[in-house]
Amino acid sequence: MVLRVFIVSLMCGLTIGIVAIISFFMVVFRQDKRSLHDSMSATYVKRVDPTKVDSSKLI
């Protein structure tokens, strides 16, 4: 029982770790700064100068 919990926890941790590393490298090296979840959901990152944002349109 303990061995099964250990192996499942190890596999889960490795899987999450590998996905996090892939996502990190995608953000660092891609020109459009899209990570794994951005690519999967077809969203994109938009950079905006915060001094030029009209705060009345945010809500």
PDB file of N, CA and C in Angstrom:
ATOM      1  N   MET A   1       0.821  -1.193   0.000  1.00  0.00           N
ATOM      2  CA  MET A   1       0.000   0.000   0.000  1.00  0.00           C
ATOM      3  C   MET A   1       0.863   1.253   0.000  1.00  0.00           C
ATOM      4  N   VAL A   2       1.875   1.285   0.871  1.00  0.00           N
ATOM      5  CA  VAL A   2       2.749   2.452   0.948  1.00  0.00           C
ATOM      6  C   VAL A   2       3.540   2.610  -0.340  1.00  0.00           C
ATOM      7  N   LEU A   3       3.996   1.489  -0.899  1.00  0.00           N
ATOM      8  CA  LEU A   3       4.750   1.526  -2.144  1.00  0.00           C
ATOM      9  C   LEU A   3       3.889   2.045  -3.288  1.00  0.00           C
ATOM     10  N   ARG A   4       2.632   1.649  -3.332  1.00  0.00           N
ATOM     11  CA  ARG A   4       1.729   2.107  -4.382  1.00  0.00           C
ATOM     12  C   ARG A   4       1.510   3.604  -4.284  1.00  0.00           C
ATOM     13  N   VAL A   5       1.290   4.121  -3.067  1.00  0.00           N
ATOM     14  CA  VAL A   5       1.100   5.561  -2.867  1.00  0.00           C
ATOM     15  C   VAL A   5       2.371   6.315  -3.262  1.00  0.00           C
ATOM     16  N   PHE A   6       3.520   5.767  -2.910  1.00  0.00           N
ATOM     17  CA  PHE A   6       4.792   6.406  -3.255  1.00  0.00           C
ATOM     18  C   PHE A   6       4.983   6.472  -4.764  1.00  0.00           C
ATOM     19  N   ILE A   7       4.711   5.389  -5.459  1.00  0.00           N
ATOM     20  CA  ILE A   7       4.899   5.350  -6.908  1.00  0.00           C
ATOM     21  C   ILE A   7       3.914   6.279  -7.610  1.00  0.00           C
ATOM     22  N   VAL A   8       2.668   6.297  -7.175  1.00  0.00           N
ATOM     23  CA  VAL A   8       1.673   7.188  -7.775  1.00  0.00           C
ATOM     24  C   VAL A   8       2.059   8.648  -7.532  1.00  0.00           C
ATOM     25  N   SER A   9       2.492   8.969  -6.339  1.00  0.00           N
ATOM     26  CA  SER A   9       2.913  10.330  -6.036  1.00  0.00           C
ATOM     27  C   SER A   9       4.127  10.733  -6.857  1.00  0.00           C
ATOM     28  N   LEU A  10       5.065   9.839  -7.007  1.00  0.00           N
ATOM     29  CA  LEU A  10       6.261  10.096  -7.796  1.00  0.00           C
ATOM     30  C   LEU A  10       5.904  10.336  -9.257  1.00  0.00           C
ATOM     31  N   MET A  11       5.055   9.504  -9.824  1.00  0.00           N
ATOM     32  CA  MET A  11       4.651   9.661 -11.221  1.00  0.00           C
ATOM     33  C   MET A  11       3.874  10.954 -11.439  1.00  0.00           C
ATOM     34  N   CYS A  12       3.012  11.294 -10.506  1.00  0.00           N
ATOM     35  CA  CYS A  12       2.247  12.542 -10.602  1.00  0.00           C
ATOM     36  C   CYS A  12       3.183  13.742 -10.529  1.00  0.00           C
ATOM     37  N   GLY A  13       4.121  13.709  -9.609  1.00  0.00           N
ATOM     38  CA  GLY A  13       5.081  14.797  -9.476  1.00  0.00           C
ATOM     39  C   GLY A  13       5.957  14.946 -10.710  1.00  0.00           C
ATOM     40  N   LEU A  14       6.401  13.825 -11.257  1.00  0.00           N
ATOM     41  CA  LEU A  14       7.215  13.892 -12.469  1.00  0.00           C
ATOM     42  C   LEU A  14       6.428  14.457 -13.651  1.00  0.00           C
ATOM     43  N   THR A  15       5.182  14.041 -13.784  1.00  0.00           N
ATOM     44  CA  THR A  15       4.351  14.519 -14.879  1.00  0.00           C
ATOM     45  C   THR A  15       4.122  16.025 -14.774  1.00  0.00           C
ATOM     46  N   ILE A  16       3.758  16.486 -13.593  1.00  0.00           N
ATOM     47  CA  ILE A  16       3.530  17.918 -13.394  1.00  0.00           C
ATOM     48  C   ILE A  16       4.829  18.684 -13.582  1.00  0.00           C
ATOM     49  N   GLY A  17       5.923  18.142 -13.124  1.00  0.00           N
ATOM     50  CA  GLY A  17       7.217  18.793 -13.282  1.00  0.00           C
ATOM     51  C   GLY A  17       7.627  18.924 -14.732  1.00  0.00           C
ATOM     52  N   ILE A  18       7.435  17.869 -15.512  1.00  0.00           N
ATOM     53  CA  ILE A  18       7.793  17.906 -16.930  1.00  0.00           C
ATOM     54  C   ILE A  18       6.932  18.925 -17.669  1.00  0.00           C
ATOM     55  N   VAL A  19       5.645  18.962 -17.378  1.00  0.00           N
ATOM     56  CA  VAL A  19       4.752  19.930 -18.014  1.00  0.00           C
ATOM     57  C   VAL A  19       5.150  21.355 -17.637  1.00  0.00           C
ATOM     58  N   ALA A  20       5.510  21.589 -16.378  1.00  0.00           N
ATOM     59  CA  ALA A  20       5.929  22.921 -15.946  1.00  0.00           C
ATOM     60  C   ALA A  20       7.226  23.340 -16.631  1.00  0.00           C
ATOM     61  N   ILE A  21       8.159  22.419 -16.785  1.00  0.00           N
ATOM     62  CA  ILE A  21       9.418  22.737 -17.455  1.00  0.00           C
ATOM     63  C   ILE A  21       9.188  23.055 -18.933  1.00  0.00           C
ATOM     64  N   ILE A  22       8.370  22.272 -19.596  1.00  0.00           N
ATOM     65  CA  ILE A  22       8.060  22.532 -21.005  1.00  0.00           C
ATOM     66  C   ILE A  22       7.389  23.890 -21.158  1.00  0.00           C
ATOM     67  N   SER A  23       6.442  24.194 -20.286  1.00  0.00           N
ATOM     68  CA  SER A  23       5.748  25.477 -20.342  1.00  0.00           C
ATOM     69  C   SER A  23       6.712  26.638 -20.106  1.00  0.00           C
ATOM     70  N   PHE A  24       7.628  26.473 -19.157  1.00  0.00           N
ATOM     71  CA  PHE A  24       8.619  27.514 -18.864  1.00  0.00           C
ATOM     72  C   PHE A  24       9.499  27.791 -20.076  1.00  0.00           C
ATOM     73  N   PHE A  25       9.996  26.721 -20.707  1.00  0.00           N
ATOM     74  CA  PHE A  25      10.856  26.923 -21.865  1.00  0.00           C
ATOM     75  C   PHE A  25      10.094  27.505 -23.049  1.00  0.00           C
ATOM     76  N   MET A  26       8.822  27.188 -23.169  1.00  0.00           N
ATOM     77  CA  MET A  26       8.022  27.791 -24.234  1.00  0.00           C
ATOM     78  C   MET A  26       7.907  29.298 -24.038  1.00  0.00           C
ATOM     79  N   VAL A  27       7.690  29.739 -22.810  1.00  0.00           N
ATOM     80  CA  VAL A  27       7.579  31.168 -22.540  1.00  0.00           C
ATOM     81  C   VAL A  27       8.914  31.864 -22.772  1.00  0.00           C
ATOM     82  N   VAL A  28       9.998  31.236 -22.362  1.00  0.00           N
ATOM     83  CA  VAL A  28      11.310  31.868 -22.483  1.00  0.00           C
ATOM     84  C   VAL A  28      11.759  31.980 -23.940  1.00  0.00           C
ATOM     85  N   PHE A  29      11.564  30.944 -24.734  1.00  0.00           N
ATOM     86  CA  PHE A  29      12.154  30.906 -26.058  1.00  0.00           C
ATOM     87  C   PHE A  29      11.218  31.263 -27.207  1.00  0.00           C
ATOM     88  N   ARG A  30       9.927  31.269 -26.979  1.00  0.00           N
ATOM     89  CA  ARG A  30       9.015  31.645 -28.065  1.00  0.00           C
ATOM     90  C   ARG A  30       8.951  33.154 -28.199  1.00  0.00           C
ATOM     91  N   GLN A  31       8.854  33.630 -29.409  1.00  0.00           N
ATOM     92  CA  GLN A  31       8.803  35.067 -29.634  1.00  0.00           C
ATOM     93  C   GLN A  31       7.471  35.664 -29.157  1.00  0.00           C
ATOM     94  N   ASP A  32       6.381  34.913 -29.263  1.00  0.00           N
ATOM     95  CA  ASP A  32       5.075  35.427 -28.848  1.00  0.00           C
ATOM     96  C   ASP A  32       4.759  35.144 -27.383  1.00  0.00           C
ATOM     97  N   LYS A  33       5.680  34.486 -26.643  1.00  0.00           N
ATOM     98  CA  LYS A  33       5.575  34.229 -25.200  1.00  0.00           C
ATOM     99  C   LYS A  33       4.343  33.421 -24.813  1.00  0.00           C
ATOM    100  N   ARG A  34       3.907  32.523 -25.695  1.00  0.00           N
ATOM    101  CA  ARG A  34       2.772  31.655 -25.381  1.00  0.00           C
ATOM    102  C   ARG A  34       3.273  30.405 -24.681  1.00  0.00           C
ATOM    103  N   SER A  35       2.625  30.049 -23.587  1.00  0.00           N
ATOM    104  CA  SER A  35       2.996  28.837 -22.871  1.00  0.00           C
ATOM    105  C   SER A  35       2.129  27.677 -23.350  1.00  0.00           C
ATOM    106  N   LEU A  36       2.281  26.550 -22.686  1.00  0.00           N
ATOM    107  CA  LEU A  36       1.570  25.349 -23.098  1.00  0.00           C
ATOM    108  C   LEU A  36       0.054  25.527 -22.986  1.00  0.00           C
ATOM    109  N   HIS A  37      -0.411  26.105 -21.884  1.00  0.00           N
ATOM    110  CA  HIS A  37      -1.860  26.264 -21.731  1.00  0.00           C
ATOM    111  C   HIS A  37      -2.408  27.316 -22.695  1.00  0.00           C
ATOM    112  N   ASP A  38      -1.612  28.321 -23.063  1.00  0.00           N
ATOM    113  CA  ASP A  38      -2.055  29.288 -24.074  1.00  0.00           C
ATOM    114  C   ASP A  38      -2.195  28.614 -25.434  1.00  0.00           C
ATOM    115  N   SER A  39      -1.251  27.760 -25.771  1.00  0.00           N
ATOM    116  CA  SER A  39      -1.312  27.059 -27.058  1.00  0.00           C
ATOM    117  C   SER A  39      -2.494  26.092 -27.105  1.00  0.00           C
ATOM    118  N   MET A  40      -2.755  25.412 -26.007  1.00  0.00           N
ATOM    119  CA  MET A  40      -3.850  24.443 -25.982  1.00  0.00           C
ATOM    120  C   MET A  40      -5.218  25.110 -26.043  1.00  0.00           C
ATOM    121  N   SER A  41      -5.337  26.299 -25.452  1.00  0.00           N
ATOM    122  CA  SER A  41      -6.641  26.963 -25.433  1.00  0.00           C
ATOM    123  C   SER A  41      -6.778  28.029 -26.506  1.00  0.00           C
ATOM    124  N   ALA A  42      -5.772  28.171 -27.373  1.00  0.00           N
ATOM    125  CA  ALA A  42      -5.782  29.115 -28.494  1.00  0.00           C
ATOM    126  C   ALA A  42      -5.925  30.562 -28.018  1.00  0.00           C
ATOM    127  N   THR A  43      -5.269  30.904 -26.911  1.00  0.00           N
ATOM    128  CA  THR A  43      -5.234  32.287 -26.446  1.00  0.00           C
ATOM    129  C   THR A  43      -3.841  32.847 -26.698  1.00  0.00           C
ATOM    130  N   TYR A  44      -3.678  34.127 -26.461  1.00  0.00           N
ATOM    131  CA  TYR A  44      -2.385  34.751 -26.674  1.00  0.00           C
ATOM    132  C   TYR A  44      -2.124  35.790 -25.591  1.00  0.00           C
ATOM    133  N   VAL A  45      -0.879  36.179 -25.481  1.00  0.00           N
ATOM    134  CA  VAL A  45      -0.463  37.170 -24.504  1.00  0.00           C
ATOM    135  C   VAL A  45      -0.396  38.514 -25.209  1.00  0.00           C
ATOM    136  N   LYS A  46      -1.020  39.514 -24.602  1.00  0.00           N
ATOM    137  CA  LYS A  46      -1.013  40.841 -25.178  1.00  0.00           C
ATOM    138  C   LYS A  46      -0.349  41.788 -24.186  1.00  0.00           C
ATOM    139  N   ARG A  47       0.717  42.418 -24.609  1.00  0.00           N
ATOM    140  CA  ARG A  47       1.434  43.351 -23.749  1.00  0.00           C
ATOM    141  C   ARG A  47       0.855  44.750 -23.936  1.00  0.00           C
ATOM    142  N   VAL A  48       0.517  45.387 -22.809  1.00  0.00           N
ATOM    143  CA  VAL A  48      -0.073  46.713 -22.829  1.00  0.00           C
ATOM    144  C   VAL A  48       0.688  47.591 -21.853  1.00  0.00           C
ATOM    145  N   ASP A  49       0.941  48.835 -22.245  1.00  0.00           N
ATOM    146  CA  ASP A  49       1.575  49.789 -21.347  1.00  0.00           C
ATOM    147  C   ASP A  49       0.537  50.203 -20.293  1.00  0.00           C
ATOM    148  N   PRO A  50       0.785  49.933 -19.003  1.00  0.00           N
ATOM    149  CA  PRO A  50      -0.219  50.211 -17.976  1.00  0.00           C
ATOM    150  C   PRO A  50      -0.548  51.688 -17.810  1.00  0.00           C
ATOM    151  N   THR A  51       0.346  52.561 -18.255  1.00  0.00           N
ATOM    152  CA  THR A  51       0.060  53.996 -18.133  1.00  0.00           C
ATOM    153  C   THR A  51      -0.930  54.466 -19.183  1.00  0.00           C
ATOM    154  N   LYS A  52      -1.140  53.677 -20.229  1.00  0.00           N
ATOM    155  CA  LYS A  52      -2.042  54.068 -21.313  1.00  0.00           C
ATOM    156  C   LYS A  52      -3.386  53.342 -21.273  1.00  0.00           C
ATOM    157  N   VAL A  53      -3.669  52.617 -20.207  1.00  0.00           N
ATOM    158  CA  VAL A  53      -4.916  51.861 -20.096  1.00  0.00           C
ATOM    159  C   VAL A  53      -5.980  52.752 -19.472  1.00  0.00           C
ATOM    160  N   ASP A  54      -7.146  52.785 -20.106  1.00  0.00           N
ATOM    161  CA  ASP A  54      -8.282  53.523 -19.560  1.00  0.00           C
ATOM    162  C   ASP A  54      -8.959  52.638 -18.520  1.00  0.00           C
ATOM    163  N   SER A  55      -8.824  52.988 -17.249  1.00  0.00           N
ATOM    164  CA  SER A  55      -9.328  52.137 -16.185  1.00  0.00           C
ATOM    165  C   SER A  55     -10.842  52.054 -16.142  1.00  0.00           C
ATOM    166  N   SER A  56     -11.539  52.971 -16.781  1.00  0.00           N
ATOM    167  CA  SER A  56     -13.004  52.901 -16.773  1.00  0.00           C
ATOM    168  C   SER A  56     -13.518  51.764 -17.660  1.00  0.00           C
ATOM    169  N   LYS A  57     -12.694  51.278 -18.577  1.00  0.00           N
ATOM    170  CA  LYS A  57     -13.110  50.199 -19.479  1.00  0.00           C
ATOM    171  C   LYS A  57     -12.738  48.819 -18.957  1.00  0.00           C
ATOM    172  N   LEU A  58     -12.103  48.735 -17.806  1.00  0.00           N
ATOM    173  CA  LEU A  58     -11.660  47.437 -17.278  1.00  0.00           C
ATOM    174  C   LEU A  58     -12.795  46.632 -16.665  1.00  0.00           C
ATOM    175  N   ILE A  59     -13.798  47.279 -16.172  1.00  0.00           N
ATOM    176  CA  ILE A  59     -14.892  46.558 -15.500  1.00  0.00           C
ATOM    177  C   ILE A  59     -16.139  46.594 -16.326  1.00  0.00           C
TER     178      ILE A  59
END
